[in-house]
Structure formats: structure tokens, C-alpha cells
C-alpha atoms as a PDB file:
ATOM      1  CA  UNK A   1       7.274 -15.119 -27.198  1.00  0.00           C
ATOM      2  CA  UNK A   2       5.125 -13.947 -24.297  1.00  0.00           C
ATOM      3  CA  UNK A   3       6.168 -14.571 -20.721  1.00  0.00           C
ATOM      4  CA  UNK A   4       3.677 -15.202 -17.913  1.00  0.00           C
ATOM      5  CA  UNK A   5       4.255 -14.074 -14.337  1.00  0.00           C
ATOM      6  CA  UNK A   6       2.471 -14.796 -11.071  1.00  0.00           C
ATOM      7  CA  UNK A   7       1.667 -11.585  -9.245  1.00  0.00           C
ATOM      8  CA  UNK A   8       1.013 -11.377  -5.502  1.00  0.00           C
ATOM      9  CA  UNK A   9      -2.521 -10.074  -4.894  1.00  0.00           C
ATOM     10  CA  UNK A  10      -1.444  -8.540  -1.569  1.00  0.00           C
ATOM     11  CA  UNK A  11       1.534  -6.389  -2.625  1.00  0.00           C
ATOM     12  CA  UNK A  12       1.825  -6.758  -6.403  1.00  0.00           C
ATOM     13  CA  UNK A  13       5.305  -8.320  -6.544  1.00  0.00           C
ATOM     14  CA  UNK A  14       5.767 -10.622  -9.575  1.00  0.00           C
ATOM     15  CA  UNK A  15       7.381 -14.079  -9.716  1.00  0.00           C
ATOM     16  CA  UNK A  16       8.354 -16.495 -12.467  1.00  0.00           C
ATOM     17  CA  UNK A  17       7.344 -19.675 -10.626  1.00  0.00           C
ATOM     18  CA  UNK A  18       4.572 -20.785  -8.312  1.00  0.00           C
ATOM     19  CA  UNK A  19       7.151 -21.961  -5.758  1.00  0.00           C
ATOM     20  CA  UNK A  20       8.667 -18.471  -5.526  1.00  0.00           C
ATOM     21  CA  UNK A  21       5.204 -16.964  -5.193  1.00  0.00           C
ATOM     22  CA  UNK A  22       4.138 -19.389  -2.439  1.00  0.00           C
ATOM     23  CA  UNK A  23       7.364 -18.825  -0.465  1.00  0.00           C
ATOM     24  CA  UNK A  24       6.851 -15.062  -0.714  1.00  0.00           C
ATOM     25  CA  UNK A  25       3.296 -15.300   0.631  1.00  0.00           C
ATOM     26  CA  UNK A  26       4.361 -17.540   3.532  1.00  0.00           C
ATOM     27  CA  UNK A  27       7.243 -15.272   4.550  1.00  0.00           C
ATOM     28  CA  UNK A  28       5.871 -11.786   3.806  1.00  0.00           C
ATOM     29  CA  UNK A  29       2.102 -12.165   4.268  1.00  0.00           C
ATOM     30  CA  UNK A  30       1.416 -14.811   6.965  1.00  0.00           C
ATOM     31  CA  UNK A  31      -1.911 -13.109   7.742  1.00  0.00           C
ATOM     32  CA  UNK A  32      -3.068 -13.553   4.131  1.00  0.00           C
ATOM     33  CA  UNK A  33      -2.346 -17.193   3.330  1.00  0.00           C
ATOM     34  CA  UNK A  34      -5.417 -17.236   1.053  1.00  0.00           C
ATOM     35  CA  UNK A  35      -3.206 -15.342  -1.437  1.00  0.00           C
ATOM     36  CA  UNK A  36      -0.967 -18.404  -1.849  1.00  0.00           C
ATOM     37  CA  UNK A  37      -3.620 -20.145  -3.920  1.00  0.00           C
ATOM     38  CA  UNK A  38      -4.824 -17.062  -5.801  1.00  0.00           C
ATOM     39  CA  UNK A  39      -1.961 -15.437  -7.693  1.00  0.00           C
ATOM     40  CA  UNK A  40      -2.826 -13.059 -10.470  1.00  0.00           C
ATOM     41  CA  UNK A  41      -1.457 -14.342 -13.772  1.00  0.00           C
ATOM     42  CA  UNK A  42      -0.149 -11.566 -15.981  1.00  0.00           C
ATOM     43  CA  UNK A  43       1.218 -11.715 -19.518  1.00  0.00           C
ATOM     44  CA  UNK A  44       4.440  -9.798 -20.054  1.00  0.00           C
ATOM     45  CA  UNK A  45       5.168  -8.827 -23.643  1.00  0.00           C
END
């Protein structure tokens, strides 16, 4: 079964949940809050 990850568009770090992704953007990229709403969705085989 394929697994989907949310990838930060600023640094490329991947997360399993939107909450983890949003927290990462708030803490690591406060100058790029636009990235919170625009994660890249990648399929991991």
C-alpha cells in the first residue's frame, strides 16, 4: 500500500500529517507562512 507524505516546499522535509507540517512551517520558516497551506504531496512506494 502506498503512503503519502506532505513535503515542505521551503526545505523539503517530509511529514506524515498536516499538523506536523504546519507546526514545522510556523517554527522553522516564520518568514514563509504561505508554505503552511501549500505542502507538496508525495507518494512513497
